[in-house]
Amino acid sequence: MKLTFYTLLLLCLAATACKKNKNNKSTDQLVKDTTLSYARDIYIWYKNIPASLNAQSFADPDQIMKGIRPYSTEPGFTAPVDRWSFAMLQSEWNKVSSGIEADFGMRVFFRTSTDLRVASVDKNGTAGQAAIKRGWRINAINGVAINDTSQSTFIVNTVYYSPTTRFNFTLPDNSTREITLNSQVFTNNPFLLDSVYTYGSNKIGYFVLNSFLGDTNQVRTDFNRVFNRFTAAGVTDLVIDLRYNGGGFVSLAEYMLNFIVPASGNGQTMLTYSFNDKYTRFNSTLTYNKRGNLNLNRVFFIVSKQSASASEMAINSIKPFLDVKLVGPSNTTGKPVGFYPIPVGNWYMFPVSFRTINRNNEANYFNGFAPDHIAADGLDKNWGDVDESCLSKAIRYITTGSWARVAPTDQTLVNEQLRLIPSNSKLDLPAFKGMVTRPVKMQ
């Protein structure tokens, strides 16, 4: 009989951490005790959790997960590296992991401190149905003029958590439009755009992927469609836009990588999962299984501070096999670790429980990956616009062999966007950041 790795892991956890109701504790108290017990067992930095930490001093499992983060000390880093361990009600996780959302399907960021823009639109949400596009400027929300980043809390509440919101936009042609959006439940579509550009002998394939979550069968179908299109078009260079991709299922990132890896990488190590010293018997390796006929020499990734987890794992895993170029305004998030949904009562807890290591034994990129070329996030342009800052820089390198010089005006905008990272991170809070997987089957 074969048991999944995940099942075996849960059996081990149950054997070592399950609590008996010796003191007639309430269900809520038992859930909190069990949550901390599991963390003391599977957490990468379990040895650092003090014995004095009391599960009952926390409001719920999510607060316990946040409470263990300060103990994630890592050699070479002065601050705790874990910014992600969390817990969520099972009913909520089932929605998030399936790509089910209940909002307008629109994401917004500040381009400058006084310029709020539509950053992305899901075609399945009400914003997509209203034909709202990335790059539109938001002048006012519910009649309130948007002046600066001090309004971040108001923006989050009205864009992500309000049932109905009225927006006043300025479009690229300088016309204005007022649109009222109503929140609805929908399944997101992480593929925002795919296109092919021809520059002389260069055929450039480009696609924007917003996450590695959603209907996994549909996402795989879309990967097949996109890469079949690129192959039929004779694509010679590939640009993958992960600038807002916070991660998701490793299985979907793995599926994508198998299209990208050259034929010479077939059967080679993609990544290795590494657990704490209690669970080294579960360390395992995934290998490449080449899909399709693309045989690239290099790949370009457009990234930002919002690029995280499974996105970074994809970049790290392909680096030993291709010339990888990164373009964007800042380092990526820096999350080389992941977790599993561990059921506790009606919660799932997600303590950071494994690292991913590439074929070259590279793993601890907690500071993120730095771009090879700095370019502002072109929030004033729609996806696929060849004049958009990041895409245009990638195209220039592909067609000329060198990066465009960063003009002073571009550098000024990049510097301002770097200063805006804390504000835009607040606007990005509803987005999932994570690397979730159930790896190999064990005999």
Protein backbone atom coordinates (compact mmCIF):
# COMPACT_ATOMS: atom_id res chain seq x y z
CA MET A 1 0.00 0.00 0.00
CA LYS A 2 1.29 3.43 -0.92
CA LEU A 3 0.78 6.33 1.43
CA THR A 4 1.37 9.89 0.37
CA PHE A 5 4.22 11.75 1.97
CA TYR A 6 1.62 14.13 3.40
CA THR A 7 -0.33 11.30 5.09
CA LEU A 8 2.82 9.84 6.62
CA LEU A 9 3.87 13.23 7.88
CA LEU A 10 0.50 13.77 9.56
CA LEU A 11 0.67 10.32 11.14
CA CYS A 12 4.10 11.18 12.55
CA LEU A 13 2.84 14.49 13.86
CA ALA A 14 -0.19 12.87 15.45
CA ALA A 15 2.01 10.31 17.19
CA THR A 16 4.36 12.89 18.64
CA ALA A 17 2.15 15.91 19.25
CA CYS A 18 -1.45 14.85 19.85
CA LYS A 19 -2.81 15.99 23.20
CA LYS A 20 -5.23 14.12 25.44
CA ASN A 21 -7.98 15.98 27.24
CA LYS A 22 -6.62 15.20 30.69
CA ASN A 23 -7.71 18.48 32.23
CA ASN A 24 -11.16 18.69 30.61
CA LYS A 25 -9.97 21.50 28.39
CA SER A 26 -12.34 23.08 25.93
CA THR A 27 -12.09 22.31 22.23
CA ASP A 28 -10.66 25.79 21.66
CA GLN A 29 -7.94 25.22 24.25
CA LEU A 30 -7.08 21.79 22.82
CA VAL A 31 -6.80 23.22 19.30
CA LYS A 32 -4.38 25.87 20.52
CA ASP A 33 -2.31 23.35 22.51
CA THR A 34 -2.12 21.00 19.54
CA THR A 35 -1.19 23.84 17.19
CA LEU A 36 1.83 24.78 19.29
CA SER A 37 2.77 21.11 19.81
CA TYR A 38 2.81 20.54 16.06
CA ALA A 39 4.91 23.68 15.59
CA ARG A 40 7.43 22.41 18.14
CA ASP A 41 7.78 19.31 15.98
CA ILE A 42 7.64 20.28 12.28
CA TYR A 43 8.74 23.95 12.27
CA ILE A 44 12.16 24.37 10.63
CA TRP A 45 13.37 26.39 13.62
CA TYR A 46 11.54 24.30 16.27
CA LYS A 47 14.59 24.25 18.56
CA ASN A 48 14.34 27.99 19.05
CA ILE A 49 10.75 28.03 20.33
CA PRO A 50 11.05 28.66 24.08
CA ALA A 51 9.51 26.15 26.48
CA SER A 52 7.80 29.06 28.22
CA LEU A 53 5.68 29.92 25.15
CA ASN A 54 2.08 29.33 26.22
CA ALA A 55 -0.48 28.42 23.56
CA GLN A 56 -3.32 29.71 25.72
CA SER A 57 -1.88 33.24 25.67
CA PHE A 58 -2.79 33.53 21.99
CA ALA A 59 -6.23 34.28 20.62
CA ASP A 60 -6.25 31.55 17.96
CA PRO A 61 -3.98 29.28 15.86
CA ASP A 62 -3.15 32.08 13.44
CA GLN A 63 -1.79 34.19 16.29
CA ILE A 64 0.26 31.21 17.48
CA MET A 65 1.80 30.90 14.03
CA LYS A 66 2.66 34.59 14.06
CA GLY A 67 3.98 34.15 17.60
CA ILE A 68 6.63 31.61 16.54
CA ARG A 69 7.97 33.74 13.68
CA PRO A 70 10.41 35.73 15.88
CA TYR A 71 12.32 32.51 16.63
CA SER A 72 13.27 31.86 12.99
CA THR A 73 16.94 32.78 13.30
CA GLU A 74 19.12 31.89 10.34
CA PRO A 75 22.95 32.14 10.01
CA GLY A 76 23.91 35.23 8.06
CA PHE A 77 20.69 37.12 8.79
CA THR A 78 20.27 39.51 11.70
CA ALA A 79 16.45 39.58 11.74
CA PRO A 80 14.02 36.63 11.93
CA VAL A 81 13.50 35.24 8.43
CA ASP A 82 10.00 33.77 8.81
CA ARG A 83 7.35 36.29 7.79
CA TRP A 84 4.79 33.77 6.59
CA SER A 85 3.74 31.02 9.04
CA PHE A 86 -0.01 31.34 9.49
CA ALA A 87 -3.23 29.47 10.18
CA MET A 88 -6.61 29.72 8.50
CA LEU A 89 -10.04 28.20 8.95
CA GLN A 90 -10.33 25.17 6.70
CA SER A 91 -13.39 26.59 4.97
CA GLU A 92 -11.42 29.72 4.04
CA TRP A 93 -8.34 27.83 2.86
CA ASN A 94 -10.48 25.62 0.63
CA LYS A 95 -11.62 28.77 -1.15
CA VAL A 96 -8.19 30.42 -1.35
CA SER A 97 -6.44 27.29 -2.63
CA SER A 98 -9.11 26.77 -5.28
CA GLY A 99 -8.76 30.34 -6.50
CA ILE A 100 -12.20 31.32 -5.27
CA GLU A 101 -12.45 35.03 -4.50
CA ALA A 102 -15.21 37.31 -3.34
CA ASP A 103 -14.29 40.83 -4.42
CA PHE A 104 -14.04 42.89 -7.62
CA GLY A 105 -11.13 40.95 -9.12
CA MET A 106 -8.99 44.08 -9.23
CA ARG A 107 -5.60 44.83 -7.68
CA VAL A 108 -4.28 48.35 -7.13
CA PHE A 109 -0.85 49.86 -6.38
CA PHE A 110 0.66 53.31 -6.11
CA ARG A 111 2.82 54.20 -9.11
CA THR A 112 4.02 57.29 -7.24
CA SER A 113 3.04 58.52 -3.80
CA THR A 114 0.11 60.47 -5.29
CA ASP A 115 -0.78 58.24 -8.25
CA LEU A 116 -2.91 55.14 -7.59
CA ARG A 117 -3.28 52.75 -10.53
CA VAL A 118 -5.11 49.60 -11.47
CA ALA A 119 -2.32 47.01 -11.31
CA SER A 120 -4.16 43.94 -12.55
CA VAL A 121 -7.66 42.79 -13.41
CA ASP A 122 -9.02 39.25 -13.40
CA LYS A 123 -11.28 38.72 -16.40
CA ASN A 124 -13.64 36.60 -14.28
CA GLY A 125 -14.29 39.36 -11.72
CA THR A 126 -16.66 42.29 -12.02
CA ALA A 127 -13.77 44.65 -12.85
CA GLY A 128 -12.87 42.43 -15.81
CA GLN A 129 -16.49 42.26 -16.89
CA ALA A 130 -16.59 46.07 -16.80
CA ALA A 131 -13.53 46.13 -19.14
CA ILE A 132 -11.34 47.96 -16.61
CA LYS A 133 -7.67 47.73 -17.60
CA ARG A 134 -4.29 47.77 -15.92
CA GLY A 135 -2.84 51.27 -16.08
CA TRP A 136 -6.06 53.19 -15.43
CA ARG A 137 -5.55 55.88 -12.82
CA ILE A 138 -7.89 55.97 -9.84
CA ASN A 139 -8.83 59.56 -9.04
CA ALA A 140 -11.51 58.94 -6.42
CA ILE A 141 -13.20 56.11 -4.54
CA ASN A 142 -16.77 56.60 -3.34
CA GLY A 143 -16.34 60.32 -4.02
CA VAL A 144 -13.17 60.59 -1.90
CA ALA A 145 -10.21 61.98 -3.85
CA ILE A 146 -7.16 59.71 -3.70
CA ASN A 147 -4.28 62.01 -2.81
CA ASP A 148 -1.53 59.93 -1.19
CA THR A 149 -0.47 56.74 0.51
CA SER A 150 -1.90 57.78 3.89
CA GLN A 151 -5.24 56.51 2.53
CA SER A 152 -4.02 52.91 2.25
CA THR A 153 -6.41 51.51 4.87
CA PHE A 154 -9.38 53.23 3.20
CA ILE A 155 -8.26 51.87 -0.17
CA VAL A 156 -7.90 48.29 1.12
CA ASN A 157 -11.34 48.36 2.74
CA THR A 158 -13.12 49.77 -0.29
CA VAL A 159 -11.28 47.80 -2.99
CA TYR A 160 -11.08 44.36 -1.35
CA TYR A 161 -13.71 44.17 1.39
CA SER A 162 -16.62 46.31 0.29
CA PRO A 163 -19.71 44.83 -1.40
CA THR A 164 -20.12 47.92 -3.61
CA THR A 165 -17.65 50.67 -4.49
CA ARG A 166 -17.77 53.59 -6.92
CA PHE A 167 -14.55 54.44 -8.78
CA ASN A 168 -13.57 57.46 -10.83
CA PHE A 169 -10.87 56.61 -13.39
CA THR A 170 -8.66 58.48 -15.84
CA LEU A 171 -8.00 56.37 -18.95
CA PRO A 172 -4.84 56.42 -21.13
CA ASP A 173 -6.55 58.81 -23.59
CA ASN A 174 -7.15 61.23 -20.64
CA SER A 175 -10.89 60.67 -20.67
CA THR A 176 -12.56 59.94 -17.34
CA ARG A 177 -15.02 57.24 -16.44
CA GLU A 178 -17.06 56.48 -13.33
CA ILE A 179 -17.86 52.83 -12.68
CA THR A 180 -19.61 51.17 -9.74
CA LEU A 181 -18.46 47.63 -9.02
CA ASN A 182 -20.31 44.99 -7.01
CA SER A 183 -18.42 42.22 -5.29
CA GLN A 184 -19.12 38.70 -6.48
CA VAL A 185 -17.80 35.19 -5.91
CA PHE A 186 -15.69 33.93 -8.80
CA THR A 187 -12.82 31.57 -9.63
CA ASN A 188 -9.75 33.53 -10.57
CA ASN A 189 -7.81 33.10 -13.79
CA PRO A 190 -4.08 33.52 -13.10
CA PHE A 191 -3.25 33.89 -16.81
CA LEU A 192 -3.64 37.62 -17.47
CA LEU A 193 -2.10 37.69 -20.96
CA ASP A 194 -0.06 35.66 -23.41
CA SER A 195 1.39 37.04 -26.62
CA VAL A 196 4.07 36.57 -29.28
CA TYR A 197 6.19 39.44 -30.63
CA THR A 198 8.31 39.36 -33.77
CA TYR A 199 11.47 41.45 -34.04
CA GLY A 200 13.41 40.34 -37.10
CA SER A 201 14.53 36.77 -36.45
CA ASN A 202 13.50 37.00 -32.79
CA LYS A 203 10.19 35.43 -31.84
CA ILE A 204 9.45 36.48 -28.26
CA GLY A 205 6.89 34.60 -26.20
CA TYR A 206 5.46 36.58 -23.26
CA PHE A 207 2.90 35.69 -20.62
CA VAL A 208 1.70 37.15 -17.33
CA LEU A 209 0.97 34.70 -14.52
CA ASN A 210 -0.59 36.17 -11.41
CA SER A 211 -0.32 33.11 -9.13
CA PHE A 212 0.15 29.36 -8.94
CA LEU A 213 -3.28 28.86 -7.34
CA GLY A 214 -6.69 28.10 -8.79
CA ASP A 215 -8.36 25.21 -10.56
CA THR A 216 -5.24 23.09 -11.06
CA ASN A 217 -6.65 21.18 -14.03
CA GLN A 218 -7.57 24.43 -15.77
CA VAL A 219 -4.19 25.99 -15.02
CA ARG A 220 -2.42 22.98 -16.54
CA THR A 221 -4.70 23.22 -19.58
CA ASP A 222 -3.76 26.88 -19.94
CA PHE A 223 -0.05 26.06 -19.68
CA ASN A 224 -0.52 23.51 -22.47
CA ARG A 225 -2.31 26.09 -24.60
CA VAL A 226 0.28 28.82 -24.05
CA PHE A 227 3.34 26.67 -24.67
CA ASN A 228 1.77 24.96 -27.68
CA ARG A 229 1.14 28.43 -29.08
CA PHE A 230 4.75 29.44 -28.46
CA THR A 231 6.06 26.28 -30.10
CA ALA A 232 3.84 26.71 -33.15
CA ALA A 233 5.02 30.34 -33.47
CA GLY A 234 8.68 29.30 -33.34
CA VAL A 235 9.44 31.24 -30.16
CA THR A 236 13.17 31.74 -29.64
CA ASP A 237 13.05 33.82 -26.41
CA LEU A 238 10.71 33.69 -23.44
CA VAL A 239 9.62 36.44 -21.02
CA ILE A 240 7.58 35.32 -17.99
CA ASP A 241 5.95 38.10 -15.98
CA LEU A 242 5.78 37.09 -12.31
CA ARG A 243 5.86 40.60 -10.87
CA TYR A 244 2.71 40.12 -8.75
CA ASN A 245 2.88 36.35 -8.37
CA GLY A 246 2.98 35.50 -4.66
CA GLY A 247 3.28 31.76 -5.20
CA GLY A 248 0.94 28.85 -4.63
CA PHE A 249 1.21 25.18 -5.49
CA VAL A 250 4.68 23.85 -6.27
CA SER A 251 3.03 21.27 -8.53
CA LEU A 252 1.90 24.04 -10.90
CA ALA A 253 5.30 25.75 -10.86
CA GLU A 254 6.84 22.35 -11.55
CA TYR A 255 4.46 21.85 -14.50
CA MET A 256 5.54 25.19 -15.98
CA LEU A 257 9.24 24.47 -15.47
CA ASN A 258 9.00 21.22 -17.41
CA PHE A 259 8.06 23.26 -20.50
CA ILE A 260 10.95 25.68 -20.00
CA VAL A 261 13.83 23.34 -19.16
CA PRO A 262 16.03 22.45 -22.16
CA ALA A 263 16.11 18.85 -23.37
CA SER A 264 19.53 18.47 -21.74
CA GLY A 265 17.89 18.96 -18.33
CA ASN A 266 15.47 16.07 -18.70
CA GLY A 267 15.83 13.71 -15.74
CA GLN A 268 18.03 16.15 -13.84
CA THR A 269 17.28 17.50 -10.36
CA MET A 270 14.68 20.26 -10.30
CA LEU A 271 14.63 20.76 -6.52
CA THR A 272 15.12 18.99 -3.24
CA TYR A 273 12.81 19.30 -0.25
CA SER A 274 14.73 19.59 3.02
CA PHE A 275 13.04 19.25 6.44
CA ASN A 276 14.26 19.77 9.98
CA ASP A 277 16.51 17.18 11.60
CA LYS A 278 13.54 15.21 12.96
CA TYR A 279 12.22 14.51 9.48
CA THR A 280 15.27 14.06 7.27
CA ARG A 281 13.82 10.69 6.20
CA PHE A 282 11.24 12.68 4.24
CA ASN A 283 13.79 14.74 2.31
CA SER A 284 13.05 14.10 -1.36
CA THR A 285 14.05 15.22 -4.83
CA LEU A 286 11.94 16.18 -7.84
CA THR A 287 13.43 15.68 -11.30
CA TYR A 288 12.64 17.36 -14.60
CA ASN A 289 10.28 15.65 -17.03
CA LYS A 290 10.61 17.69 -20.22
CA ARG A 291 7.34 18.75 -21.85
CA GLY A 292 6.88 20.16 -25.33
CA ASN A 293 9.48 21.11 -27.89
CA LEU A 294 10.75 24.50 -26.76
CA ASN A 295 14.51 24.29 -26.39
CA LEU A 296 15.59 27.65 -24.99
CA ASN A 297 19.01 28.92 -24.00
CA ARG A 298 17.73 31.65 -21.70
CA VAL A 299 14.61 32.94 -20.02
CA PHE A 300 13.63 36.38 -18.74
CA PHE A 301 11.55 36.88 -15.60
CA ILE A 302 9.90 40.19 -14.75
CA VAL A 303 9.82 40.46 -10.96
CA SER A 304 9.06 42.80 -8.09
CA LYS A 305 8.81 42.76 -4.30
CA GLN A 306 5.48 40.94 -4.77
CA SER A 307 7.19 37.99 -6.51
CA ALA A 308 7.40 35.33 -3.82
CA SER A 309 7.69 31.73 -2.81
CA ALA A 310 6.75 29.32 -5.63
CA SER A 311 7.69 32.08 -8.11
CA GLU A 312 11.14 32.35 -6.57
CA MET A 313 11.40 28.57 -6.39
CA ALA A 314 10.77 28.44 -10.16
CA ILE A 315 13.54 30.97 -10.78
CA ASN A 316 15.97 29.19 -8.47
CA SER A 317 15.21 25.75 -9.90
CA ILE A 318 15.75 26.73 -13.55
CA LYS A 319 18.94 28.76 -12.97
CA PRO A 320 21.29 25.74 -13.19
CA PHE A 321 19.95 24.94 -16.68
CA LEU A 322 19.34 28.27 -18.44
CA ASP A 323 20.76 31.76 -18.62
CA VAL A 324 18.26 33.53 -16.36
CA LYS A 325 17.75 37.29 -16.58
CA LEU A 326 15.64 39.24 -14.08
CA VAL A 327 14.07 42.64 -14.79
CA GLY A 328 12.12 44.74 -12.32
CA PRO A 329 12.13 47.56 -9.78
CA SER A 330 13.37 45.63 -6.73
CA ASN A 331 14.49 42.37 -5.21
CA THR A 332 11.91 39.62 -4.96
CA THR A 333 10.38 38.82 -1.55
CA GLY A 334 12.94 36.22 -0.42
CA LYS A 335 10.96 33.11 0.56
CA PRO A 336 12.92 29.89 -0.08
CA VAL A 337 10.70 27.92 2.31
CA GLY A 338 7.23 26.41 2.28
CA PHE A 339 4.58 24.60 4.28
CA TYR A 340 1.72 22.11 4.30
CA PRO A 341 -1.89 22.48 5.40
CA ILE A 342 -1.95 20.62 8.72
CA PRO A 343 -5.49 20.10 10.06
CA VAL A 344 -6.13 21.04 13.69
CA GLY A 345 -9.80 21.14 14.63
CA ASN A 346 -11.53 23.23 12.00
CA TRP A 347 -8.28 25.09 11.22
CA TYR A 348 -5.34 24.45 8.96
CA MET A 349 -1.99 25.52 10.37
CA PHE A 350 0.94 26.36 8.09
CA PRO A 351 4.24 26.47 10.02
CA VAL A 352 7.23 26.85 7.70
CA SER A 353 8.36 23.25 7.47
CA PHE A 354 10.70 22.75 4.50
CA ARG A 355 13.28 24.43 2.30
CA THR A 356 13.66 23.97 -1.44
CA ILE A 357 17.19 23.58 -2.78
CA ASN A 358 18.17 23.66 -6.44
CA ARG A 359 20.61 21.34 -8.24
CA ASN A 360 23.52 23.64 -7.35
CA ASN A 361 22.64 23.44 -3.63
CA GLU A 362 21.41 27.06 -3.61
CA ALA A 363 18.66 27.71 -1.08
CA ASN A 364 18.91 30.56 1.42
CA TYR A 365 17.80 33.53 -0.66
CA PHE A 366 15.93 35.21 2.21
CA ASN A 367 16.95 38.60 0.82
CA GLY A 368 15.29 37.77 -2.49
CA PHE A 369 16.74 37.75 -6.00
CA ALA A 370 18.12 41.05 -7.30
CA PRO A 371 17.21 42.14 -10.83
CA ASP A 372 19.94 42.01 -13.46
CA HIS A 373 18.48 45.27 -14.71
CA ILE A 374 16.45 47.81 -12.77
CA ALA A 375 13.23 49.01 -14.39
CA ALA A 376 10.24 50.77 -12.89
CA ASP A 377 6.97 48.90 -12.58
CA GLY A 378 5.15 50.30 -15.63
CA LEU A 379 1.85 50.84 -13.86
CA ASP A 380 0.83 53.42 -16.46
CA LYS A 381 0.69 50.77 -19.21
CA ASN A 382 -1.49 47.73 -19.86
CA TRP A 383 -0.09 44.20 -19.91
CA GLY A 384 1.77 43.43 -23.12
CA ASP A 385 2.40 47.05 -24.11
CA VAL A 386 5.88 46.94 -25.64
CA ASP A 387 6.53 50.43 -24.22
CA GLU A 388 5.86 49.21 -20.66
CA SER A 389 9.08 49.74 -18.75
CA CYS A 390 9.94 46.17 -17.74
CA LEU A 391 8.83 44.45 -20.93
CA SER A 392 10.55 47.03 -23.14
CA LYS A 393 13.86 46.46 -21.32
CA ALA A 394 13.61 42.69 -21.83
CA ILE A 395 12.82 43.16 -25.51
CA ARG A 396 15.76 45.53 -25.93
CA TYR A 397 18.17 42.99 -24.42
CA ILE A 398 16.79 40.21 -26.61
CA THR A 399 17.10 42.27 -29.78
CA THR A 400 20.37 44.13 -29.10
CA GLY A 401 22.25 42.05 -26.54
CA SER A 402 22.48 44.90 -24.01
CA TRP A 403 20.30 46.64 -21.46
CA ALA A 404 19.06 50.14 -22.13
CA ARG A 405 20.73 52.83 -20.06
CA VAL A 406 18.61 53.79 -17.06
CA ALA A 407 17.64 57.39 -17.71
CA PRO A 408 17.64 59.80 -14.72
CA THR A 409 13.85 60.13 -14.93
CA ASP A 410 13.50 56.33 -14.86
CA GLN A 411 15.84 56.08 -11.88
CA THR A 412 13.83 58.72 -10.03
CA LEU A 413 10.66 56.68 -10.57
CA VAL A 414 12.40 53.47 -9.49
CA ASN A 415 13.66 55.16 -6.32
CA GLU A 416 10.17 56.39 -5.49
CA GLN A 417 8.68 52.94 -6.10
CA LEU A 418 11.28 51.47 -3.75
CA ARG A 419 10.16 53.92 -1.08
CA LEU A 420 6.55 52.91 -1.80
CA ILE A 421 7.14 49.21 -1.06
CA PRO A 422 5.73 49.41 2.51
CA SER A 423 2.61 51.21 1.27
CA ASN A 424 2.06 48.86 -1.67
CA SER A 425 2.68 45.89 0.62
CA LYS A 426 -0.34 47.04 2.63
CA LEU A 427 -2.38 47.12 -0.56
CA ASP A 428 -1.10 43.62 -1.36
CA LEU A 429 -2.09 42.08 1.97
CA PRO A 430 -5.11 40.17 0.60
CA ALA A 431 -2.87 38.34 -1.88
CA PHE A 432 -1.63 34.89 -0.87
CA LYS A 433 2.13 34.49 -0.35
CA GLY A 434 3.20 30.90 -0.09
CA MET A 435 4.66 27.68 -1.41
CA VAL A 436 2.37 24.73 -0.75
CA THR A 437 3.03 21.17 -1.83
CA ARG A 438 2.50 17.51 -1.22
CA PRO A 439 5.57 15.87 -2.71
CA VAL A 440 6.46 12.31 -3.56
CA LYS A 441 4.72 9.06 -2.67
CA MET A 442 6.55 6.81 -0.23
CA GLN A 443 6.31 3.02 -0.01
